[in-house]
Amino acid sequence: MKRNKENKGVINNKSVFFISFLLFLLFFNLNFISAGFGYDSVNYGAYIQGKQINLFQTCANCSSINITSIISPDGQILISNVNMNKSGVLFNYSLSGKHTIQIGTYKIMGVGDINGTNTIWNYVFEIRGGNIGFFVIAFLLFFGLTFYGLKIRNEWVGLIGCFGLLILGIFISFNGIDLYKNNLTQGIAYITIAIGLGIGFEAIYKITYF
């Protein structure tokens, strides 16, 4: 009887440890992935690394719009004090591909003379690697590990796959898939996280109680 009580205490301790570790992993990745988004600006979208991009502004009552600076993800000023080309109410500036090598979030700041009054504006855009292959490999790897673990009834293999699914789902929730971030990618993220949590907790239960 004493041994059974001791074993039960060990089992409960193992269960608490695994669940605590899982929650810590979720919390850590949530904070880590969201740390790079600190600009209170409109997001202008995502573009492929190393490609020339066209930056636009519209203003019906501006005679000129000036880009005061474009700042790279590491804080370097790439462009400063350049005028955007005007075509009716549309203003455009082409940013060379040599300035879009670094992956991350870029900040653009400028000023336009709306009705003769200088008005400051700013927004951000993102440069991504355009590596759809990464997501395909990650999905195949983590889903494969998860369901292979279920098939061979090895909870540890399944649990490793579940951890991968949780990280991948959280990453997609914040960053989208490749250049895309919409309701579809959010749905994929939530389903991935739900599968990782559901099977993960089941694996933890079997490891600790059987």
N, C-alpha and C. Protein backbone atom coordinates (compact mmCIF):
# COMPACT_ATOMS: atom_id res chain seq x y z
N MET A 1 0.82 -1.21 0.00
CA MET A 1 0.00 0.00 0.00
C MET A 1 0.85 1.25 0.00
N LYS A 2 1.91 1.20 0.75
CA LYS A 2 2.80 2.36 0.83
C LYS A 2 3.46 2.62 -0.51
N ARG A 3 3.85 1.50 -1.17
CA ARG A 3 4.50 1.66 -2.48
C ARG A 3 3.53 2.26 -3.49
N ASN A 4 2.24 1.83 -3.46
CA ASN A 4 1.25 2.36 -4.38
C ASN A 4 1.05 3.84 -4.18
N LYS A 5 1.05 4.27 -2.92
CA LYS A 5 0.90 5.69 -2.64
C LYS A 5 2.10 6.48 -3.16
N GLU A 6 3.29 5.88 -2.98
CA GLU A 6 4.50 6.56 -3.47
C GLU A 6 4.48 6.65 -4.99
N ASN A 7 4.08 5.57 -5.67
CA ASN A 7 4.01 5.58 -7.13
C ASN A 7 2.99 6.59 -7.62
N LYS A 8 1.87 6.68 -6.92
CA LYS A 8 0.84 7.64 -7.30
C LYS A 8 1.35 9.06 -7.17
N GLY A 9 2.14 9.31 -6.09
CA GLY A 9 2.71 10.64 -5.92
C GLY A 9 3.69 10.98 -7.00
N VAL A 10 4.50 9.97 -7.42
CA VAL A 10 5.46 10.19 -8.51
C VAL A 10 4.74 10.48 -9.80
N ILE A 11 3.65 9.72 -10.06
CA ILE A 11 2.88 9.91 -11.28
C ILE A 11 2.28 11.31 -11.34
N ASN A 12 1.70 11.74 -10.21
CA ASN A 12 1.10 13.08 -10.18
C ASN A 12 2.16 14.15 -10.39
N ASN A 13 3.33 13.96 -9.80
CA ASN A 13 4.41 14.93 -9.98
C ASN A 13 4.86 15.00 -11.43
N LYS A 14 4.95 13.83 -12.08
CA LYS A 14 5.33 13.80 -13.50
C LYS A 14 4.28 14.51 -14.35
N SER A 15 3.01 14.29 -14.02
CA SER A 15 1.93 14.93 -14.78
C SER A 15 2.01 16.44 -14.66
N VAL A 16 2.19 16.92 -13.44
CA VAL A 16 2.29 18.37 -13.21
C VAL A 16 3.49 18.94 -13.96
N PHE A 17 4.60 18.22 -13.95
CA PHE A 17 5.81 18.68 -14.62
C PHE A 17 5.58 18.83 -16.12
N PHE A 18 5.00 17.81 -16.76
CA PHE A 18 4.80 17.84 -18.20
C PHE A 18 3.82 18.93 -18.61
N ILE A 19 2.73 19.07 -17.87
CA ILE A 19 1.74 20.10 -18.20
C ILE A 19 2.33 21.49 -18.00
N SER A 20 3.10 21.67 -16.93
CA SER A 20 3.74 22.96 -16.68
C SER A 20 4.74 23.30 -17.79
N PHE A 21 5.48 22.28 -18.22
CA PHE A 21 6.45 22.48 -19.30
C PHE A 21 5.75 22.88 -20.59
N LEU A 22 4.62 22.23 -20.89
CA LEU A 22 3.86 22.55 -22.09
C LEU A 22 3.34 23.97 -22.07
N LEU A 23 2.79 24.40 -20.93
CA LEU A 23 2.29 25.76 -20.81
C LEU A 23 3.42 26.78 -20.88
N PHE A 24 4.58 26.45 -20.31
CA PHE A 24 5.74 27.33 -20.40
C PHE A 24 6.18 27.48 -21.85
N LEU A 25 6.17 26.38 -22.58
CA LEU A 25 6.56 26.42 -23.99
C LEU A 25 5.64 27.33 -24.78
N LEU A 26 4.33 27.23 -24.54
CA LEU A 26 3.37 28.11 -25.21
C LEU A 26 3.63 29.57 -24.88
N PHE A 27 3.80 29.86 -23.59
CA PHE A 27 4.01 31.24 -23.15
C PHE A 27 5.31 31.81 -23.72
N PHE A 28 6.37 31.02 -23.70
CA PHE A 28 7.68 31.47 -24.19
C PHE A 28 7.61 31.81 -25.67
N ASN A 29 7.01 30.93 -26.46
CA ASN A 29 6.96 31.16 -27.90
C ASN A 29 6.02 32.30 -28.25
N LEU A 30 4.94 32.46 -27.49
CA LEU A 30 4.03 33.57 -27.73
C LEU A 30 4.74 34.90 -27.58
N ASN A 31 5.54 35.04 -26.52
CA ASN A 31 6.27 36.27 -26.28
C ASN A 31 7.42 36.44 -27.24
N PHE A 32 8.11 35.35 -27.56
CA PHE A 32 9.27 35.42 -28.45
C PHE A 32 8.87 35.84 -29.85
N ILE A 33 7.80 35.24 -30.38
CA ILE A 33 7.39 35.51 -31.75
C ILE A 33 6.80 36.90 -31.88
N SER A 34 6.10 37.37 -30.85
CA SER A 34 5.45 38.67 -30.94
C SER A 34 6.40 39.82 -30.60
N ALA A 35 7.62 39.55 -30.20
CA ALA A 35 8.53 40.59 -29.73
C ALA A 35 8.94 41.55 -30.82
N GLY A 36 8.91 41.11 -32.08
CA GLY A 36 9.41 41.96 -33.15
C GLY A 36 8.42 42.97 -33.67
N PHE A 37 7.20 42.99 -33.16
CA PHE A 37 6.18 43.87 -33.71
C PHE A 37 5.91 45.01 -32.75
N GLY A 38 6.75 46.03 -32.81
CA GLY A 38 6.65 47.12 -31.85
C GLY A 38 6.21 48.44 -32.44
N TYR A 39 5.89 48.49 -33.76
CA TYR A 39 5.53 49.75 -34.38
C TYR A 39 4.02 49.96 -34.32
N ASP A 40 3.60 51.16 -33.88
CA ASP A 40 2.18 51.50 -33.87
C ASP A 40 1.83 52.17 -35.20
N SER A 41 1.95 51.41 -36.29
CA SER A 41 1.76 51.95 -37.62
C SER A 41 0.92 50.99 -38.44
N VAL A 42 0.40 51.50 -39.57
CA VAL A 42 -0.33 50.67 -40.51
C VAL A 42 0.65 49.73 -41.21
N ASN A 43 0.29 48.46 -41.29
CA ASN A 43 1.15 47.50 -41.98
C ASN A 43 0.81 47.51 -43.46
N TYR A 44 1.81 47.80 -44.28
CA TYR A 44 1.62 47.97 -45.72
C TYR A 44 1.66 46.64 -46.46
N GLY A 45 1.99 45.57 -45.78
CA GLY A 45 2.01 44.27 -46.43
C GLY A 45 3.38 43.61 -46.38
N ALA A 46 3.50 42.49 -47.08
CA ALA A 46 4.74 41.71 -47.08
C ALA A 46 5.26 41.55 -48.51
N TYR A 47 6.58 41.53 -48.63
CA TYR A 47 7.23 41.41 -49.93
C TYR A 47 8.37 40.41 -49.85
N ILE A 48 8.79 39.92 -51.02
CA ILE A 48 9.84 38.91 -51.08
C ILE A 48 11.21 39.55 -50.93
N GLN A 49 12.07 38.90 -50.22
CA GLN A 49 13.43 39.36 -49.95
C GLN A 49 14.19 39.60 -51.25
N GLY A 50 14.89 40.76 -51.32
CA GLY A 50 15.78 41.07 -52.43
C GLY A 50 15.10 41.56 -53.69
N LYS A 51 13.79 41.81 -53.65
CA LYS A 51 13.06 42.29 -54.82
C LYS A 51 12.76 43.78 -54.69
N GLN A 52 12.73 44.47 -55.84
CA GLN A 52 12.33 45.88 -55.82
C GLN A 52 10.85 45.98 -55.49
N ILE A 53 10.49 46.94 -54.66
CA ILE A 53 9.09 47.13 -54.30
C ILE A 53 8.69 48.58 -54.54
N ASN A 54 7.44 48.77 -54.88
CA ASN A 54 6.89 50.11 -55.11
C ASN A 54 6.10 50.55 -53.88
N LEU A 55 6.48 51.67 -53.33
CA LEU A 55 5.82 52.23 -52.16
C LEU A 55 4.88 53.34 -52.62
N PHE A 56 3.64 53.31 -52.14
CA PHE A 56 2.62 54.24 -52.60
C PHE A 56 2.04 55.05 -51.45
N GLN A 57 1.62 56.25 -51.79
CA GLN A 57 0.78 57.08 -50.94
C GLN A 57 -0.22 57.80 -51.83
N THR A 58 -1.41 58.05 -51.31
CA THR A 58 -2.40 58.82 -52.04
C THR A 58 -2.75 60.08 -51.26
N CYS A 59 -2.88 61.17 -51.97
CA CYS A 59 -3.24 62.44 -51.34
C CYS A 59 -3.83 63.35 -52.40
N ALA A 60 -5.10 63.74 -52.22
CA ALA A 60 -5.76 64.59 -53.20
C ALA A 60 -5.36 66.05 -53.08
N ASN A 61 -4.87 66.45 -51.90
CA ASN A 61 -4.58 67.86 -51.67
C ASN A 61 -3.11 68.11 -51.36
N CYS A 62 -2.23 67.24 -51.89
CA CYS A 62 -0.78 67.40 -51.68
C CYS A 62 -0.10 67.77 -52.99
N SER A 63 0.81 68.73 -52.93
CA SER A 63 1.64 69.04 -54.09
C SER A 63 2.90 68.19 -54.09
N SER A 64 3.31 67.70 -52.91
CA SER A 64 4.49 66.84 -52.81
C SER A 64 4.42 66.00 -51.54
N ILE A 65 5.04 64.85 -51.61
CA ILE A 65 5.19 63.98 -50.45
C ILE A 65 6.65 63.56 -50.39
N ASN A 66 7.22 63.69 -49.21
CA ASN A 66 8.63 63.37 -49.00
C ASN A 66 8.78 62.20 -48.03
N ILE A 67 9.64 61.25 -48.41
CA ILE A 67 10.00 60.18 -47.49
C ILE A 67 11.19 60.66 -46.67
N THR A 68 10.97 60.88 -45.41
CA THR A 68 12.06 61.39 -44.56
C THR A 68 13.06 60.30 -44.21
N SER A 69 12.58 59.05 -44.07
CA SER A 69 13.51 57.95 -43.80
C SER A 69 12.82 56.60 -43.97
N ILE A 70 13.61 55.62 -44.39
CA ILE A 70 13.21 54.22 -44.39
C ILE A 70 14.21 53.49 -43.51
N ILE A 71 13.70 52.85 -42.46
CA ILE A 71 14.56 52.23 -41.45
C ILE A 71 14.45 50.71 -41.55
N SER A 72 15.59 50.05 -41.62
CA SER A 72 15.65 48.60 -41.74
C SER A 72 15.36 47.94 -40.39
N PRO A 73 15.14 46.62 -40.36
CA PRO A 73 14.85 45.94 -39.09
C PRO A 73 15.93 46.09 -38.03
N ASP A 74 17.19 46.27 -38.45
CA ASP A 74 18.27 46.43 -37.47
C ASP A 74 18.52 47.88 -37.11
N GLY A 75 17.63 48.80 -37.56
CA GLY A 75 17.71 50.20 -37.15
C GLY A 75 18.53 51.11 -38.05
N GLN A 76 19.06 50.59 -39.14
CA GLN A 76 19.84 51.44 -40.06
C GLN A 76 18.92 52.24 -40.96
N ILE A 77 19.31 53.49 -41.24
CA ILE A 77 18.56 54.35 -42.16
C ILE A 77 19.01 54.03 -43.59
N LEU A 78 18.10 53.50 -44.39
CA LEU A 78 18.43 53.10 -45.75
C LEU A 78 18.26 54.24 -46.73
N ILE A 79 17.19 55.01 -46.58
CA ILE A 79 16.86 56.11 -47.47
C ILE A 79 16.44 57.30 -46.62
N SER A 80 16.83 58.50 -47.03
CA SER A 80 16.40 59.69 -46.29
C SER A 80 16.17 60.85 -47.24
N ASN A 81 15.11 61.62 -46.96
CA ASN A 81 14.80 62.86 -47.68
C ASN A 81 14.76 62.69 -49.20
N VAL A 82 13.84 61.83 -49.65
CA VAL A 82 13.62 61.66 -51.09
C VAL A 82 12.15 61.96 -51.39
N ASN A 83 11.90 62.60 -52.52
CA ASN A 83 10.54 62.93 -52.93
C ASN A 83 9.92 61.76 -53.69
N MET A 84 8.67 61.51 -53.43
CA MET A 84 7.93 60.49 -54.16
C MET A 84 7.45 61.08 -55.49
N ASN A 85 7.40 60.25 -56.51
CA ASN A 85 6.94 60.70 -57.82
C ASN A 85 5.42 60.86 -57.84
N LYS A 86 4.94 61.97 -58.38
CA LYS A 86 3.52 62.31 -58.34
C LYS A 86 2.86 61.99 -59.67
N SER A 87 1.68 61.35 -59.61
CA SER A 87 0.87 61.10 -60.78
C SER A 87 -0.59 61.26 -60.37
N GLY A 88 -1.12 62.45 -60.52
CA GLY A 88 -2.45 62.75 -60.04
C GLY A 88 -2.46 62.78 -58.52
N VAL A 89 -3.29 61.94 -57.93
CA VAL A 89 -3.35 61.86 -56.46
C VAL A 89 -2.46 60.74 -55.93
N LEU A 90 -1.78 60.04 -56.84
CA LEU A 90 -0.95 58.90 -56.45
C LEU A 90 0.52 59.30 -56.42
N PHE A 91 1.19 58.95 -55.32
CA PHE A 91 2.62 59.19 -55.17
C PHE A 91 3.34 57.84 -55.04
N ASN A 92 4.47 57.72 -55.71
CA ASN A 92 5.15 56.44 -55.76
C ASN A 92 6.66 56.61 -55.58
N TYR A 93 7.27 55.63 -54.90
CA TYR A 93 8.73 55.56 -54.82
C TYR A 93 9.15 54.09 -54.94
N SER A 94 10.10 53.81 -55.83
CA SER A 94 10.58 52.44 -56.02
C SER A 94 11.82 52.20 -55.16
N LEU A 95 11.69 51.26 -54.25
CA LEU A 95 12.80 50.92 -53.36
C LEU A 95 13.58 49.76 -53.96
N SER A 96 14.87 49.98 -54.18
CA SER A 96 15.72 48.99 -54.84
C SER A 96 15.81 47.69 -54.04
N GLY A 97 15.99 46.59 -54.77
CA GLY A 97 16.13 45.28 -54.14
C GLY A 97 17.34 45.18 -53.23
N LYS A 98 18.35 46.02 -53.45
CA LYS A 98 19.54 45.98 -52.58
C LYS A 98 19.23 46.46 -51.17
N HIS A 99 18.09 47.15 -51.01
CA HIS A 99 17.68 47.63 -49.69
C HIS A 99 16.68 46.69 -49.01
N THR A 100 16.33 45.59 -49.66
CA THR A 100 15.33 44.68 -49.08
C THR A 100 15.93 43.29 -48.84
N ILE A 101 17.21 43.24 -48.54
CA ILE A 101 17.89 41.97 -48.30
C ILE A 101 17.57 41.41 -46.92
N GLN A 102 17.48 42.29 -45.95
CA GLN A 102 17.28 41.84 -44.57
C GLN A 102 15.82 41.49 -44.32
N ILE A 103 15.60 40.32 -43.74
CA ILE A 103 14.25 39.88 -43.41
C ILE A 103 13.79 40.55 -42.12
N GLY A 104 12.55 41.01 -42.11
CA GLY A 104 12.02 41.65 -40.92
C GLY A 104 11.06 42.78 -41.26
N THR A 105 10.80 43.65 -40.28
CA THR A 105 9.86 44.75 -40.42
C THR A 105 10.60 46.06 -40.64
N TYR A 106 10.23 46.75 -41.71
CA TYR A 106 10.81 48.04 -42.07
C TYR A 106 9.82 49.15 -41.72
N LYS A 107 10.34 50.29 -41.31
CA LYS A 107 9.49 51.43 -40.98
C LYS A 107 9.77 52.57 -41.96
N ILE A 108 8.70 53.16 -42.47
CA ILE A 108 8.80 54.30 -43.39
C ILE A 108 8.16 55.50 -42.72
N MET A 109 8.88 56.61 -42.72
CA MET A 109 8.35 57.87 -42.18
C MET A 109 8.45 58.95 -43.24
N GLY A 110 7.44 59.81 -43.30
CA GLY A 110 7.44 60.85 -44.31
C GLY A 110 6.55 62.01 -43.92
N VAL A 111 6.46 62.97 -44.85
CA VAL A 111 5.65 64.16 -44.62
C VAL A 111 5.02 64.59 -45.94
N GLY A 112 3.77 65.02 -45.89
CA GLY A 112 3.08 65.53 -47.06
C GLY A 112 2.43 66.87 -46.75
N ASP A 113 2.38 67.75 -47.75
CA ASP A 113 1.83 69.10 -47.52
C ASP A 113 0.34 69.13 -47.86
N ILE A 114 -0.45 68.57 -46.97
CA ILE A 114 -1.90 68.54 -47.19
C ILE A 114 -2.46 69.94 -47.03
N ASN A 115 -3.04 70.47 -48.13
CA ASN A 115 -3.58 71.84 -48.13
C ASN A 115 -2.55 72.85 -47.62
N GLY A 116 -1.28 72.61 -47.95
CA GLY A 116 -0.22 73.53 -47.57
C GLY A 116 0.31 73.33 -46.16
N THR A 117 -0.24 72.37 -45.43
CA THR A 117 0.21 72.10 -44.07
C THR A 117 0.97 70.78 -44.03
N ASN A 118 2.20 70.84 -43.54
CA ASN A 118 3.01 69.62 -43.46
C ASN A 118 2.40 68.64 -42.45
N THR A 119 2.15 67.42 -42.92
CA THR A 119 1.53 66.39 -42.09
C THR A 119 2.40 65.14 -42.10
N ILE A 120 2.72 64.66 -40.93
CA ILE A 120 3.60 63.49 -40.80
C ILE A 120 2.79 62.20 -40.97
N TRP A 121 3.38 61.24 -41.65
CA TRP A 121 2.78 59.91 -41.79
C TRP A 121 3.86 58.85 -41.61
N ASN A 122 3.42 57.65 -41.29
CA ASN A 122 4.36 56.54 -41.21
C ASN A 122 3.61 55.22 -41.33
N TYR A 123 4.28 54.23 -41.85
CA TYR A 123 3.74 52.88 -41.88
C TYR A 123 4.89 51.88 -41.95
N VAL A 124 4.55 50.60 -41.86
CA VAL A 124 5.57 49.56 -41.90
C VAL A 124 5.26 48.58 -43.02
N PHE A 125 6.27 47.90 -43.47
CA PHE A 125 6.09 46.76 -44.36
C PHE A 125 7.08 45.67 -43.96
N GLU A 126 6.80 44.46 -44.40
CA GLU A 126 7.63 43.33 -44.00
C GLU A 126 8.32 42.71 -45.21
N ILE A 127 9.55 42.27 -44.99
CA ILE A 127 10.28 41.51 -45.99
C ILE A 127 10.40 40.09 -45.47
N ARG A 128 9.97 39.14 -46.30
CA ARG A 128 10.03 37.73 -45.91
C ARG A 128 10.82 36.93 -46.94
N GLY A 129 11.23 35.76 -46.53
CA GLY A 129 12.11 34.95 -47.37
C GLY A 129 11.43 34.31 -48.56
N GLY A 130 10.10 34.22 -48.52
CA GLY A 130 9.40 33.59 -49.63
C GLY A 130 9.69 32.10 -49.73
N ASN A 131 9.89 31.44 -48.57
CA ASN A 131 10.25 30.03 -48.56
C ASN A 131 9.05 29.17 -48.18
N ILE A 132 8.18 28.92 -49.15
CA ILE A 132 7.02 28.08 -48.89
C ILE A 132 7.45 26.66 -48.57
N GLY A 133 8.63 26.28 -49.08
CA GLY A 133 9.13 24.94 -48.83
C GLY A 133 9.36 24.67 -47.35
N PHE A 134 9.74 25.71 -46.60
CA PHE A 134 9.94 25.55 -45.15
C PHE A 134 8.67 25.09 -44.47
N PHE A 135 7.54 25.71 -44.82
CA PHE A 135 6.27 25.36 -44.19
C PHE A 135 5.82 23.96 -44.60
N VAL A 136 6.05 23.59 -45.86
CA VAL A 136 5.69 22.24 -46.30
C VAL A 136 6.47 21.20 -45.51
N ILE A 137 7.78 21.41 -45.38
CA ILE A 137 8.63 20.47 -44.64
C ILE A 137 8.23 20.42 -43.17
N ALA A 138 7.96 21.60 -42.57
CA ALA A 138 7.59 21.65 -41.15
C ALA A 138 6.27 20.91 -40.91
N PHE A 139 5.26 21.12 -41.78
CA PHE A 139 3.99 20.43 -41.62
C PHE A 139 4.17 18.92 -41.74
N LEU A 140 4.90 18.49 -42.76
CA LEU A 140 5.11 17.06 -42.97
C LEU A 140 5.86 16.44 -41.80
N LEU A 141 6.89 17.13 -41.32
CA LEU A 141 7.71 16.61 -40.23
C LEU A 141 6.92 16.47 -38.93
N PHE A 142 6.27 17.57 -38.51
CA PHE A 142 5.61 17.56 -37.20
C PHE A 142 4.32 16.74 -37.20
N PHE A 143 3.52 16.84 -38.28
CA PHE A 143 2.34 15.99 -38.36
C PHE A 143 2.74 14.53 -38.49
N GLY A 144 3.81 14.29 -39.27
CA GLY A 144 4.30 12.92 -39.43
C GLY A 144 4.74 12.31 -38.11
N LEU A 145 5.52 13.07 -37.32
CA LEU A 145 5.96 12.57 -36.01
C LEU A 145 4.77 12.31 -35.09
N THR A 146 3.81 13.24 -35.10
CA THR A 146 2.65 13.11 -34.21
C THR A 146 1.86 11.85 -34.51
N PHE A 147 1.50 11.65 -35.77
CA PHE A 147 0.65 10.51 -36.11
C PHE A 147 1.43 9.20 -36.19
N TYR A 148 2.73 9.31 -36.47
CA TYR A 148 3.56 8.10 -36.41
C TYR A 148 3.65 7.62 -34.96
N GLY A 149 3.79 8.57 -34.03
CA GLY A 149 3.81 8.21 -32.62
C GLY A 149 2.52 7.53 -32.19
N LEU A 150 1.37 8.01 -32.71
CA LEU A 150 0.10 7.35 -32.40
C LEU A 150 0.03 5.95 -32.99
N LYS A 151 0.55 5.82 -34.20
CA LYS A 151 0.47 4.52 -34.88
C LYS A 151 1.28 3.45 -34.16
N ILE A 152 2.49 3.80 -33.74
CA ILE A 152 3.35 2.81 -33.07
C ILE A 152 3.14 2.82 -31.56
N ARG A 153 2.19 3.67 -31.09
CA ARG A 153 1.86 3.78 -29.67
C ARG A 153 3.09 4.17 -28.83
N ASN A 154 3.84 5.11 -29.38
CA ASN A 154 4.99 5.68 -28.66
C ASN A 154 4.66 7.13 -28.35
N GLU A 155 4.22 7.38 -27.10
CA GLU A 155 3.76 8.72 -26.73
C GLU A 155 4.87 9.75 -26.78
N TRP A 156 6.11 9.34 -26.54
CA TRP A 156 7.21 10.31 -26.56
C TRP A 156 7.43 10.87 -27.96
N VAL A 157 7.36 9.99 -28.97
CA VAL A 157 7.51 10.46 -30.35
C VAL A 157 6.35 11.40 -30.71
N GLY A 158 5.14 11.02 -30.32
CA GLY A 158 3.99 11.89 -30.57
C GLY A 158 4.09 13.22 -29.87
N LEU A 159 4.64 13.20 -28.65
CA LEU A 159 4.76 14.43 -27.87
C LEU A 159 5.74 15.40 -28.52
N ILE A 160 6.83 14.87 -29.07
CA ILE A 160 7.79 15.73 -29.78
C ILE A 160 7.12 16.38 -30.98
N GLY A 161 6.32 15.59 -31.71
CA GLY A 161 5.58 16.14 -32.84
C GLY A 161 4.59 17.21 -32.41
N CYS A 162 3.94 17.01 -31.27
CA CYS A 162 2.97 17.98 -30.75
C CYS A 162 3.64 19.30 -30.38
N PHE A 163 4.82 19.23 -29.75
CA PHE A 163 5.55 20.45 -29.44
C PHE A 163 5.85 21.23 -30.72
N GLY A 164 6.26 20.50 -31.76
CA GLY A 164 6.53 21.15 -33.04
C GLY A 164 5.30 21.80 -33.63
N LEU A 165 4.15 21.12 -33.51
CA LEU A 165 2.89 21.68 -34.02
C LEU A 165 2.50 22.94 -33.27
N LEU A 166 2.71 22.96 -31.96
CA LEU A 166 2.38 24.15 -31.17
C LEU A 166 3.23 25.34 -31.61
N ILE A 167 4.53 25.13 -31.75
CA ILE A 167 5.42 26.21 -32.17
C ILE A 167 5.05 26.69 -33.57
N LEU A 168 4.81 25.74 -34.48
CA LEU A 168 4.45 26.09 -35.86
C LEU A 168 3.13 26.84 -35.90
N GLY A 169 2.13 26.39 -35.14
CA GLY A 169 0.83 27.05 -35.12
C GLY A 169 0.90 28.47 -34.60
N ILE A 170 1.66 28.67 -33.52
CA ILE A 170 1.81 30.02 -32.97
C ILE A 170 2.53 30.92 -33.95
N PHE A 171 3.57 30.40 -34.58
CA PHE A 171 4.32 31.18 -35.57
C PHE A 171 3.41 31.61 -36.73
N ILE A 172 2.61 30.69 -37.24
CA ILE A 172 1.70 31.02 -38.35
C ILE A 172 0.66 32.02 -37.91
N SER A 173 0.18 31.92 -36.67
CA SER A 173 -0.83 32.85 -36.17
C SER A 173 -0.34 34.29 -36.22
N PHE A 174 0.94 34.50 -35.90
CA PHE A 174 1.49 35.85 -35.89
C PHE A 174 2.03 36.29 -37.25
N ASN A 175 2.58 35.36 -38.01
CA ASN A 175 3.32 35.73 -39.21
C ASN A 175 2.69 35.29 -40.52
N GLY A 176 1.67 34.44 -40.46
CA GLY A 176 1.09 33.94 -41.68
C GLY A 176 1.95 32.84 -42.28
N ILE A 177 1.60 32.44 -43.50
CA ILE A 177 2.35 31.43 -44.24
C ILE A 177 2.97 32.09 -45.46
N ASP A 178 4.28 32.11 -45.49
CA ASP A 178 5.02 32.76 -46.57
C ASP A 178 4.60 34.22 -46.64
N LEU A 179 4.03 34.68 -47.78
CA LEU A 179 3.62 36.08 -47.92
C LEU A 179 2.16 36.30 -47.52
N TYR A 180 1.49 35.26 -47.08
CA TYR A 180 0.05 35.35 -46.86
C TYR A 180 -0.27 35.34 -45.36
N LYS A 181 -1.16 36.27 -44.98
CA LYS A 181 -1.66 36.31 -43.62
C LYS A 181 -3.11 36.78 -43.68
N ASN A 182 -4.05 35.84 -43.55
CA ASN A 182 -5.46 36.15 -43.68
C ASN A 182 -6.26 35.18 -42.82
N ASN A 183 -7.58 35.15 -43.03
CA ASN A 183 -8.43 34.28 -42.23
C ASN A 183 -8.10 32.80 -42.44
N LEU A 184 -7.69 32.47 -43.67
CA LEU A 184 -7.34 31.08 -43.95
C LEU A 184 -6.11 30.64 -43.16
N THR A 185 -5.08 31.47 -43.17
CA THR A 185 -3.86 31.11 -42.43
C THR A 185 -4.12 31.10 -40.92
N GLN A 186 -5.00 32.01 -40.44
CA GLN A 186 -5.36 31.98 -39.02
C GLN A 186 -6.09 30.68 -38.67
N GLY A 187 -6.97 30.26 -39.56
CA GLY A 187 -7.67 29.00 -39.32
C GLY A 187 -6.72 27.82 -39.28
N ILE A 188 -5.76 27.80 -40.21
CA ILE A 188 -4.75 26.74 -40.21
C ILE A 188 -3.95 26.76 -38.92
N ALA A 189 -3.61 27.98 -38.45
CA ALA A 189 -2.85 28.11 -37.21
C ALA A 189 -3.62 27.55 -36.02
N TYR A 190 -4.91 27.91 -35.91
CA TYR A 190 -5.72 27.46 -34.77
C TYR A 190 -5.92 25.95 -34.79
N ILE A 191 -6.14 25.38 -35.99
CA ILE A 191 -6.30 23.93 -36.09
C ILE A 191 -5.02 23.22 -35.70
N THR A 192 -3.88 23.76 -36.15
CA THR A 192 -2.58 23.16 -35.83
C THR A 192 -2.33 23.19 -34.33
N ILE A 193 -2.63 24.34 -33.69
CA ILE A 193 -2.45 24.46 -32.24
C ILE A 193 -3.39 23.50 -31.51
N ALA A 194 -4.65 23.41 -31.97
CA ALA A 194 -5.63 22.54 -31.31
C ALA A 194 -5.20 21.08 -31.38
N ILE A 195 -4.69 20.65 -32.55
CA ILE A 195 -4.23 19.27 -32.69
C ILE A 195 -3.04 19.03 -31.77
N GLY A 196 -2.10 19.98 -31.75
CA GLY A 196 -0.93 19.84 -30.89
C GLY A 196 -1.31 19.75 -29.42
N LEU A 197 -2.26 20.59 -28.99
CA LEU A 197 -2.69 20.56 -27.58
C LEU A 197 -3.46 19.28 -27.26
N GLY A 198 -4.41 18.93 -28.13
CA GLY A 198 -5.25 17.78 -27.86
C GLY A 198 -4.46 16.48 -27.76
N ILE A 199 -3.68 16.20 -28.79
CA ILE A 199 -2.88 14.96 -28.79
C ILE A 199 -1.77 15.05 -27.76
N GLY A 200 -1.23 16.25 -27.56
CA GLY A 200 -0.15 16.42 -26.59
C GLY A 200 -0.59 16.10 -25.17
N PHE A 201 -1.75 16.60 -24.77
CA PHE A 201 -2.26 16.31 -23.42
C PHE A 201 -2.63 14.83 -23.27
N GLU A 202 -3.14 14.25 -24.35
CA GLU A 202 -3.43 12.81 -24.30
C GLU A 202 -2.15 12.00 -24.13
N ALA A 203 -1.09 12.40 -24.84
CA ALA A 203 0.19 11.71 -24.72
C ALA A 203 0.76 11.86 -23.32
N ILE A 204 0.65 13.07 -22.76
CA ILE A 204 1.13 13.30 -21.39
C ILE A 204 0.37 12.43 -20.39
N TYR A 205 -0.94 12.33 -20.59
CA TYR A 205 -1.76 11.51 -19.69
C TYR A 205 -1.33 10.05 -19.75
N LYS A 206 -1.08 9.52 -20.95
CA LYS A 206 -0.69 8.12 -21.09
C LYS A 206 0.71 7.88 -20.51
N ILE A 207 1.61 8.87 -20.71
CA ILE A 207 2.96 8.71 -20.18
C ILE A 207 2.95 8.66 -18.66
N THR A 208 2.11 9.47 -18.05
CA THR A 208 2.14 9.61 -16.59
C THR A 208 1.28 8.59 -15.87
N TYR A 209 0.22 8.07 -16.50
CA TYR A 209 -0.70 7.18 -15.79
C TYR A 209 -0.67 5.73 -16.27
N PHE A 210 0.12 5.45 -17.30
CA PHE A 210 0.16 4.07 -17.79
C PHE A 210 1.60 3.60 -17.90
